[in-house]
Amino acid sequence: MTDAEVLELISNLARQDRYVFTLHAKERLLQRHLTDRDVKEVLLHPIRVIRRDVGRSGSVKYKIQGGERNRKVAVVIEQTLIVITVM
């Protein structure tokens, strides 16, 4: 998948509310004084893929940047979008 396709898929899944937060992501939200809404803004309006990391299982973790404040999150795309962490 190209970066543009990844960003479009992330945005589409977010519009359908097909995303979940890991416990780690929820902890990072609190630490960084962000809300679920701040993350959804990034997911709805992603600007760029910063990096791709392939895990041992073969799943790809995308680090993306987006939203009005150019925040960063890491996600894995499976059946839904899984928010791994908030940077």
PDB file of N, CA and C in Angstrom:
ATOM      1  N   MET A   1       0.840  -1.178   0.000  1.00  0.00           N
ATOM      2  CA  MET A   1       0.000   0.000   0.000  1.00  0.00           C
ATOM      3  C   MET A   1       0.885   1.241   0.000  1.00  0.00           C
ATOM      4  N   THR A   2       0.513   2.228  -0.776  1.00  0.00           N
ATOM      5  CA  THR A   2       1.246   3.488  -0.781  1.00  0.00           C
ATOM      6  C   THR A   2       0.886   4.294   0.469  1.00  0.00           C
ATOM      7  N   ASP A   3       1.696   5.301   0.768  1.00  0.00           N
ATOM      8  CA  ASP A   3       1.382   6.161   1.912  1.00  0.00           C
ATOM      9  C   ASP A   3       0.012   6.813   1.754  1.00  0.00           C
ATOM     10  N   ALA A   4      -0.298   7.256   0.547  1.00  0.00           N
ATOM     11  CA  ALA A   4      -1.595   7.898   0.305  1.00  0.00           C
ATOM     12  C   ALA A   4      -2.741   6.931   0.578  1.00  0.00           C
ATOM     13  N   GLU A   5      -2.587   5.669   0.183  1.00  0.00           N
ATOM     14  CA  GLU A   5      -3.622   4.661   0.421  1.00  0.00           C
ATOM     15  C   GLU A   5      -3.768   4.373   1.912  1.00  0.00           C
ATOM     16  N   VAL A   6      -2.647   4.329   2.623  1.00  0.00           N
ATOM     17  CA  VAL A   6      -2.680   4.095   4.068  1.00  0.00           C
ATOM     18  C   VAL A   6      -3.422   5.232   4.758  1.00  0.00           C
ATOM     19  N   LEU A   7      -3.097   6.463   4.401  1.00  0.00           N
ATOM     20  CA  LEU A   7      -3.740   7.623   5.024  1.00  0.00           C
ATOM     21  C   LEU A   7      -5.233   7.661   4.732  1.00  0.00           C
ATOM     22  N   GLU A   8      -5.606   7.310   3.517  1.00  0.00           N
ATOM     23  CA  GLU A   8      -7.025   7.278   3.156  1.00  0.00           C
ATOM     24  C   GLU A   8      -7.761   6.196   3.943  1.00  0.00           C
ATOM     25  N   LEU A   9      -7.160   5.032   4.079  1.00  0.00           N
ATOM     26  CA  LEU A   9      -7.777   3.945   4.837  1.00  0.00           C
ATOM     27  C   LEU A   9      -7.937   4.327   6.304  1.00  0.00           C
ATOM     28  N   ILE A  10      -6.920   4.927   6.890  1.00  0.00           N
ATOM     29  CA  ILE A  10      -6.991   5.371   8.285  1.00  0.00           C
ATOM     30  C   ILE A  10      -8.134   6.362   8.455  1.00  0.00           C
ATOM     31  N   SER A  11      -8.213   7.323   7.576  1.00  0.00           N
ATOM     32  CA  SER A  11      -9.276   8.330   7.649  1.00  0.00           C
ATOM     33  C   SER A  11     -10.657   7.691   7.510  1.00  0.00           C
ATOM     34  N   ASN A  12     -10.798   6.754   6.574  1.00  0.00           N
ATOM     35  CA  ASN A  12     -12.084   6.076   6.372  1.00  0.00           C
ATOM     36  C   ASN A  12     -12.490   5.271   7.603  1.00  0.00           C
ATOM     37  N   LEU A  13     -11.554   4.544   8.181  1.00  0.00           N
ATOM     38  CA  LEU A  13     -11.866   3.763   9.375  1.00  0.00           C
ATOM     39  C   LEU A  13     -12.247   4.681  10.542  1.00  0.00           C
ATOM     40  N   ALA A  14     -11.568   5.794  10.674  1.00  0.00           N
ATOM     41  CA  ALA A  14     -11.880   6.744  11.753  1.00  0.00           C
ATOM     42  C   ALA A  14     -13.280   7.342  11.565  1.00  0.00           C
ATOM     43  N   ARG A  15     -13.643   7.650  10.316  1.00  0.00           N
ATOM     44  CA  ARG A  15     -14.989   8.197  10.054  1.00  0.00           C
ATOM     45  C   ARG A  15     -16.073   7.211  10.445  1.00  0.00           C
ATOM     46  N   GLN A  16     -15.775   5.928  10.342  1.00  0.00           N
ATOM     47  CA  GLN A  16     -16.731   4.881  10.702  1.00  0.00           C
ATOM     48  C   GLN A  16     -16.613   4.485  12.176  1.00  0.00           C
ATOM     49  N   ASP A  17     -15.793   5.217  12.927  1.00  0.00           N
ATOM     50  CA  ASP A  17     -15.527   4.907  14.344  1.00  0.00           C
ATOM     51  C   ASP A  17     -15.021   3.488  14.515  1.00  0.00           C
ATOM     52  N   ARG A  18     -14.230   3.024  13.570  1.00  0.00           N
ATOM     53  CA  ARG A  18     -13.664   1.678  13.632  1.00  0.00           C
ATOM     54  C   ARG A  18     -12.220   1.753  14.122  1.00  0.00           C
ATOM     55  N   TYR A  19     -12.071   2.222  15.337  1.00  0.00           N
ATOM     56  CA  TYR A  19     -10.753   2.262  15.951  1.00  0.00           C
ATOM     57  C   TYR A  19     -10.886   2.038  17.445  1.00  0.00           C
ATOM     58  N   VAL A  20      -9.838   1.517  18.027  1.00  0.00           N
ATOM     59  CA  VAL A  20      -9.798   1.259  19.458  1.00  0.00           C
ATOM     60  C   VAL A  20      -8.445   1.719  19.991  1.00  0.00           C
ATOM     61  N   PHE A  21      -8.419   2.026  21.275  1.00  0.00           N
ATOM     62  CA  PHE A  21      -7.183   2.431  21.934  1.00  0.00           C
ATOM     63  C   PHE A  21      -6.642   1.264  22.753  1.00  0.00           C
ATOM     64  N   THR A  22      -5.353   1.036  22.664  1.00  0.00           N
ATOM     65  CA  THR A  22      -4.731   0.082  23.574  1.00  0.00           C
ATOM     66  C   THR A  22      -4.620   0.757  24.943  1.00  0.00           C
ATOM     67  N   LEU A  23      -4.380  -0.033  25.951  1.00  0.00           N
ATOM     68  CA  LEU A  23      -4.170   0.519  27.289  1.00  0.00           C
ATOM     69  C   LEU A  23      -2.988   1.489  27.272  1.00  0.00           C
ATOM     70  N   HIS A  24      -1.934   1.121  26.566  1.00  0.00           N
ATOM     71  CA  HIS A  24      -0.756   1.984  26.459  1.00  0.00           C
ATOM     72  C   HIS A  24      -1.122   3.344  25.858  1.00  0.00           C
ATOM     73  N   ALA A  25      -1.950   3.335  24.819  1.00  0.00           N
ATOM     74  CA  ALA A  25      -2.364   4.590  24.181  1.00  0.00           C
ATOM     75  C   ALA A  25      -3.158   5.455  25.154  1.00  0.00           C
ATOM     76  N   LYS A  26      -4.042   4.826  25.931  1.00  0.00           N
ATOM     77  CA  LYS A  26      -4.824   5.575  26.927  1.00  0.00           C
ATOM     78  C   LYS A  26      -3.907   6.202  27.977  1.00  0.00           C
ATOM     79  N   GLU A  27      -2.887   5.460  28.392  1.00  0.00           N
ATOM     80  CA  GLU A  27      -1.929   6.000  29.363  1.00  0.00           C
ATOM     81  C   GLU A  27      -1.194   7.199  28.784  1.00  0.00           C
ATOM     82  N   ARG A  28      -0.779   7.090  27.534  1.00  0.00           N
ATOM     83  CA  ARG A  28      -0.070   8.198  26.879  1.00  0.00           C
ATOM     84  C   ARG A  28      -0.971   9.428  26.725  1.00  0.00           C
ATOM     85  N   LEU A  29      -2.248   9.209  26.457  1.00  0.00           N
ATOM     86  CA  LEU A  29      -3.183  10.346  26.376  1.00  0.00           C
ATOM     87  C   LEU A  29      -3.156  11.136  27.673  1.00  0.00           C
ATOM     88  N   LEU A  30      -3.249  10.432  28.780  1.00  0.00           N
ATOM     89  CA  LEU A  30      -3.235  11.098  30.083  1.00  0.00           C
ATOM     90  C   LEU A  30      -1.916  11.818  30.329  1.00  0.00           C
ATOM     91  N   GLN A  31      -0.812  11.163  30.021  1.00  0.00           N
ATOM     92  CA  GLN A  31       0.507  11.749  30.243  1.00  0.00           C
ATOM     93  C   GLN A  31       0.722  13.012  29.410  1.00  0.00           C
ATOM     94  N   ARG A  32       0.148  13.034  28.226  1.00  0.00           N
ATOM     95  CA  ARG A  32       0.360  14.156  27.306  1.00  0.00           C
ATOM     96  C   ARG A  32      -0.793  15.169  27.326  1.00  0.00           C
ATOM     97  N   HIS A  33      -1.722  14.955  28.260  1.00  0.00           N
ATOM     98  CA  HIS A  33      -2.867  15.863  28.434  1.00  0.00           C
ATOM     99  C   HIS A  33      -3.657  16.031  27.137  1.00  0.00           C
ATOM    100  N   LEU A  34      -3.907  14.905  26.479  1.00  0.00           N
ATOM    101  CA  LEU A  34      -4.690  14.901  25.252  1.00  0.00           C
ATOM    102  C   LEU A  34      -5.991  14.151  25.492  1.00  0.00           C
ATOM    103  N   THR A  35      -6.920  14.314  24.583  1.00  0.00           N
ATOM    104  CA  THR A  35      -8.207  13.633  24.681  1.00  0.00           C
ATOM    105  C   THR A  35      -8.371  12.654  23.517  1.00  0.00           C
ATOM    106  N   ASP A  36      -9.368  11.793  23.645  1.00  0.00           N
ATOM    107  CA  ASP A  36      -9.712  10.893  22.544  1.00  0.00           C
ATOM    108  C   ASP A  36     -10.009  11.708  21.286  1.00  0.00           C
ATOM    109  N   ARG A  37     -10.633  12.835  21.474  1.00  0.00           N
ATOM    110  CA  ARG A  37     -10.987  13.712  20.347  1.00  0.00           C
ATOM    111  C   ARG A  37      -9.739  14.222  19.629  1.00  0.00           C
ATOM    112  N   ASP A  38      -8.671  14.529  20.386  1.00  0.00           N
ATOM    113  CA  ASP A  38      -7.416  14.978  19.769  1.00  0.00           C
ATOM    114  C   ASP A  38      -6.865  13.897  18.840  1.00  0.00           C
ATOM    115  N   VAL A  39      -6.927  12.652  19.301  1.00  0.00           N
ATOM    116  CA  VAL A  39      -6.431  11.552  18.478  1.00  0.00           C
ATOM    117  C   VAL A  39      -7.330  11.339  17.271  1.00  0.00           C
ATOM    118  N   LYS A  40      -8.631  11.425  17.470  1.00  0.00           N
ATOM    119  CA  LYS A  40      -9.541  11.243  16.340  1.00  0.00           C
ATOM    120  C   LYS A  40      -9.280  12.296  15.263  1.00  0.00           C
ATOM    121  N   GLU A  41      -8.938  13.496  15.667  1.00  0.00           N
ATOM    122  CA  GLU A  41      -8.592  14.561  14.720  1.00  0.00           C
ATOM    123  C   GLU A  41      -7.409  14.134  13.840  1.00  0.00           C
ATOM    124  N   VAL A  42      -6.420  13.508  14.453  1.00  0.00           N
ATOM    125  CA  VAL A  42      -5.265  13.014  13.689  1.00  0.00           C
ATOM    126  C   VAL A  42      -5.704  11.920  12.726  1.00  0.00           C
ATOM    127  N   LEU A  43      -6.527  11.007  13.214  1.00  0.00           N
ATOM    128  CA  LEU A  43      -6.978   9.889  12.383  1.00  0.00           C
ATOM    129  C   LEU A  43      -7.866  10.348  11.231  1.00  0.00           C
ATOM    130  N   LEU A  44      -8.689  11.329  11.477  1.00  0.00           N
ATOM    131  CA  LEU A  44      -9.571  11.847  10.425  1.00  0.00           C
ATOM    132  C   LEU A  44      -8.827  12.660   9.383  1.00  0.00           C
ATOM    133  N   HIS A  45      -7.762  13.336   9.824  1.00  0.00           N
ATOM    134  CA  HIS A  45      -7.024  14.244   8.937  1.00  0.00           C
ATOM    135  C   HIS A  45      -5.526  13.948   8.966  1.00  0.00           C
ATOM    136  N   PRO A  46      -5.143  12.723   8.587  1.00  0.00           N
ATOM    137  CA  PRO A  46      -3.718  12.400   8.585  1.00  0.00           C
ATOM    138  C   PRO A  46      -3.007  13.149   7.457  1.00  0.00           C
ATOM    139  N   ILE A  47      -1.805  13.604   7.740  1.00  0.00           N
ATOM    140  CA  ILE A  47      -1.045  14.374   6.762  1.00  0.00           C
ATOM    141  C   ILE A  47       0.039  13.533   6.101  1.00  0.00           C
ATOM    142  N   ARG A  48       0.735  12.732   6.934  1.00  0.00           N
ATOM    143  CA  ARG A  48       1.823  11.941   6.355  1.00  0.00           C
ATOM    144  C   ARG A  48       2.129  10.708   7.201  1.00  0.00           C
ATOM    145  N   VAL A  49       2.691   9.723   6.534  1.00  0.00           N
ATOM    146  CA  VAL A  49       3.235   8.558   7.218  1.00  0.00           C
ATOM    147  C   VAL A  49       4.685   8.898   7.528  1.00  0.00           C
ATOM    148  N   ILE A  50       5.014   8.895   8.800  1.00  0.00           N
ATOM    149  CA  ILE A  50       6.378   9.212   9.211  1.00  0.00           C
ATOM    150  C   ILE A  50       7.278   7.995   9.028  1.00  0.00           C
ATOM    151  N   ARG A  51       6.730   6.828   9.405  1.00  0.00           N
ATOM    152  CA  ARG A  51       7.537   5.621   9.392  1.00  0.00           C
ATOM    153  C   ARG A  51       6.643   4.391   9.421  1.00  0.00           C
ATOM    154  N   ARG A  52       7.166   3.290   8.925  1.00  0.00           N
ATOM    155  CA  ARG A  52       6.507   1.980   8.991  1.00  0.00           C
ATOM    156  C   ARG A  52       7.454   1.026   9.696  1.00  0.00           C
ATOM    157  N   ASP A  53       6.928   0.283  10.637  1.00  0.00           N
ATOM    158  CA  ASP A  53       7.714  -0.742  11.314  1.00  0.00           C
ATOM    159  C   ASP A  53       6.978  -2.065  11.176  1.00  0.00           C
ATOM    160  N   VAL A  54       7.688  -3.111  10.779  1.00  0.00           N
ATOM    161  CA  VAL A  54       7.078  -4.425  10.641  1.00  0.00           C
ATOM    162  C   VAL A  54       7.416  -5.242  11.884  1.00  0.00           C
ATOM    163  N   GLY A  55       6.361  -5.738  12.537  1.00  0.00           N
ATOM    164  CA  GLY A  55       6.536  -6.545  13.740  1.00  0.00           C
ATOM    165  C   GLY A  55       6.890  -7.982  13.422  1.00  0.00           C
ATOM    166  N   ARG A  56       7.187  -8.739  14.442  1.00  0.00           N
ATOM    167  CA  ARG A  56       7.545 -10.157  14.271  1.00  0.00           C
ATOM    168  C   ARG A  56       6.421 -10.960  13.634  1.00  0.00           C
ATOM    169  N   SER A  57       5.193 -10.557  13.943  1.00  0.00           N
ATOM    170  CA  SER A  57       4.038 -11.275  13.387  1.00  0.00           C
ATOM    171  C   SER A  57       3.740 -10.864  11.949  1.00  0.00           C
ATOM    172  N   GLY A  58       4.475  -9.856  11.456  1.00  0.00           N
ATOM    173  CA  GLY A  58       4.244  -9.374  10.100  1.00  0.00           C
ATOM    174  C   GLY A  58       3.311  -8.182  10.024  1.00  0.00           C
ATOM    175  N   SER A  59       2.711  -7.808  11.161  1.00  0.00           N
ATOM    176  CA  SER A  59       1.830  -6.634  11.150  1.00  0.00           C
ATOM    177  C   SER A  59       2.674  -5.366  11.019  1.00  0.00           C
ATOM    178  N   VAL A  60       2.101  -4.387  10.368  1.00  0.00           N
ATOM    179  CA  VAL A  60       2.806  -3.129  10.140  1.00  0.00           C
ATOM    180  C   VAL A  60       2.264  -2.066  11.073  1.00  0.00           C
ATOM    181  N   LYS A  61       3.174  -1.412  11.796  1.00  0.00           N
ATOM    182  CA  LYS A  61       2.804  -0.290  12.659  1.00  0.00           C
ATOM    183  C   LYS A  61       3.161   0.990  11.899  1.00  0.00           C
ATOM    184  N   TYR A  62       2.146   1.818  11.685  1.00  0.00           N
ATOM    185  CA  TYR A  62       2.342   3.082  10.985  1.00  0.00           C
ATOM    186  C   TYR A  62       2.422   4.214  11.995  1.00  0.00           C
ATOM    187  N   LYS A  63       3.449   4.999  11.905  1.00  0.00           N
ATOM    188  CA  LYS A  63       3.536   6.214  12.707  1.00  0.00           C
ATOM    189  C   LYS A  63       3.112   7.339  11.777  1.00  0.00           C
ATOM    190  N   ILE A  64       2.031   8.021  12.168  1.00  0.00           N
ATOM    191  CA  ILE A  64       1.477   9.058  11.300  1.00  0.00           C
ATOM    192  C   ILE A  64       1.432  10.394  12.025  1.00  0.00           C
ATOM    193  N   GLN A  65       1.308  11.428  11.239  1.00  0.00           N
ATOM    194  CA  GLN A  65       1.191  12.790  11.763  1.00  0.00           C
ATOM    195  C   GLN A  65      -0.021  13.414  11.104  1.00  0.00           C
ATOM    196  N   GLY A  66      -0.747  14.231  11.877  1.00  0.00           N
ATOM    197  CA  GLY A  66      -1.904  14.862  11.270  1.00  0.00           C
ATOM    198  C   GLY A  66      -2.679  15.738  12.223  1.00  0.00           C
ATOM    199  N   GLY A  67      -3.850  16.149  11.759  1.00  0.00           N
ATOM    200  CA  GLY A  67      -4.690  17.038  12.537  1.00  0.00           C
ATOM    201  C   GLY A  67      -4.200  18.471  12.479  1.00  0.00           C
ATOM    202  N   GLU A  68      -4.960  19.347  13.084  1.00  0.00           N
ATOM    203  CA  GLU A  68      -4.621  20.774  13.067  1.00  0.00           C
ATOM    204  C   GLU A  68      -3.305  21.082  13.756  1.00  0.00           C
ATOM    205  N   ARG A  69      -2.955  20.285  14.756  1.00  0.00           N
ATOM    206  CA  ARG A  69      -1.741  20.562  15.543  1.00  0.00           C
ATOM    207  C   ARG A  69      -0.580  19.632  15.208  1.00  0.00           C
ATOM    208  N   ASN A  70      -0.703  18.906  14.102  1.00  0.00           N
ATOM    209  CA  ASN A  70       0.366  17.998  13.663  1.00  0.00           C
ATOM    210  C   ASN A  70       0.818  17.034  14.747  1.00  0.00           C
ATOM    211  N   ARG A  71      -0.124  16.443  15.425  1.00  0.00           N
ATOM    212  CA  ARG A  71       0.203  15.459  16.467  1.00  0.00           C
ATOM    213  C   ARG A  71       0.565  14.138  15.797  1.00  0.00           C
ATOM    214  N   LYS A  72       1.186  13.256  16.575  1.00  0.00           N
ATOM    215  CA  LYS A  72       1.641  11.974  16.036  1.00  0.00           C
ATOM    216  C   LYS A  72       1.034  10.821  16.827  1.00  0.00           C
ATOM    217  N   VAL A  73       0.658   9.771  16.094  1.00  0.00           N
ATOM    218  CA  VAL A  73       0.168   8.551  16.719  1.00  0.00           C
ATOM    219  C   VAL A  73       0.727   7.359  15.956  1.00  0.00           C
ATOM    220  N   ALA A  74       0.741   6.220  16.614  1.00  0.00           N
ATOM    221  CA  ALA A  74       1.132   4.970  15.964  1.00  0.00           C
ATOM    222  C   ALA A  74      -0.091   4.070  15.921  1.00  0.00           C
ATOM    223  N   VAL A  75      -0.318   3.457  14.770  1.00  0.00           N
ATOM    224  CA  VAL A  75      -1.492   2.615  14.583  1.00  0.00           C
ATOM    225  C   VAL A  75      -1.134   1.333  13.853  1.00  0.00           C
ATOM    226  N   VAL A  76      -1.956   0.324  14.056  1.00  0.00           N
ATOM    227  CA  VAL A  76      -1.902  -0.910  13.293  1.00  0.00           C
ATOM    228  C   VAL A  76      -3.270  -1.077  12.658  1.00  0.00           C
ATOM    229  N   ILE A  77      -3.276  -1.446  11.393  1.00  0.00           N
ATOM    230  CA  ILE A  77      -4.539  -1.650  10.683  1.00  0.00           C
ATOM    231  C   ILE A  77      -4.802  -3.150  10.599  1.00  0.00           C
ATOM    232  N   GLU A  78      -5.908  -3.549  11.216  1.00  0.00           N
ATOM    233  CA  GLU A  78      -6.346  -4.943  11.119  1.00  0.00           C
ATOM    234  C   GLU A  78      -7.764  -4.895  10.576  1.00  0.00           C
ATOM    235  N   GLN A  79      -8.726  -5.526  11.245  1.00  0.00           N
ATOM    236  CA  GLN A  79     -10.122  -5.389  10.842  1.00  0.00           C
ATOM    237  C   GLN A  79     -10.600  -3.974  11.168  1.00  0.00           C
ATOM    238  N   THR A  80     -10.028  -3.435  12.232  1.00  0.00           N
ATOM    239  CA  THR A  80     -10.282  -2.059  12.628  1.00  0.00           C
ATOM    240  C   THR A  80      -8.930  -1.382  12.753  1.00  0.00           C
ATOM    241  N   LEU A  81      -8.949  -0.150  13.150  1.00  0.00           N
ATOM    242  CA  LEU A  81      -7.729   0.616  13.362  1.00  0.00           C
ATOM    243  C   LEU A  81      -7.404   0.553  14.842  1.00  0.00           C
ATOM    244  N   ILE A  82      -6.211   0.153  15.177  1.00  0.00           N
ATOM    245  CA  ILE A  82      -5.816   0.046  16.571  1.00  0.00           C
ATOM    246  C   ILE A  82      -4.789   1.123  16.876  1.00  0.00           C
ATOM    247  N   VAL A  83      -5.133   2.009  17.779  1.00  0.00           N
ATOM    248  CA  VAL A  83      -4.207   3.070  18.168  1.00  0.00           C
ATOM    249  C   VAL A  83      -3.260   2.504  19.208  1.00  0.00           C
ATOM    250  N   ILE A  84      -1.994   2.426  18.862  1.00  0.00           N
ATOM    251  CA  ILE A  84      -0.989   1.808  19.714  1.00  0.00           C
ATOM    252  C   ILE A  84      -0.445   2.795  20.748  1.00  0.00           C
ATOM    253  N   THR A  85      -0.072   3.968  20.277  1.00  0.00           N
ATOM    254  CA  THR A  85       0.465   4.969  21.193  1.00  0.00           C
ATOM    255  C   THR A  85       0.247   6.359  20.636  1.00  0.00           C
ATOM    256  N   VAL A  86       0.400   7.310  21.517  1.00  0.00           N
ATOM    257  CA  VAL A  86       0.268   8.716  21.169  1.00  0.00           C
ATOM    258  C   VAL A  86       1.608   9.353  21.481  1.00  0.00           C
ATOM    259  N   MET A  87       2.165  10.031  20.503  1.00  0.00           N
ATOM    260  CA  MET A  87       3.493  10.603  20.670  1.00  0.00           C
ATOM    261  C   MET A  87       3.447  12.096  20.878  1.00  0.00           C
TER     262      MET A  87
END
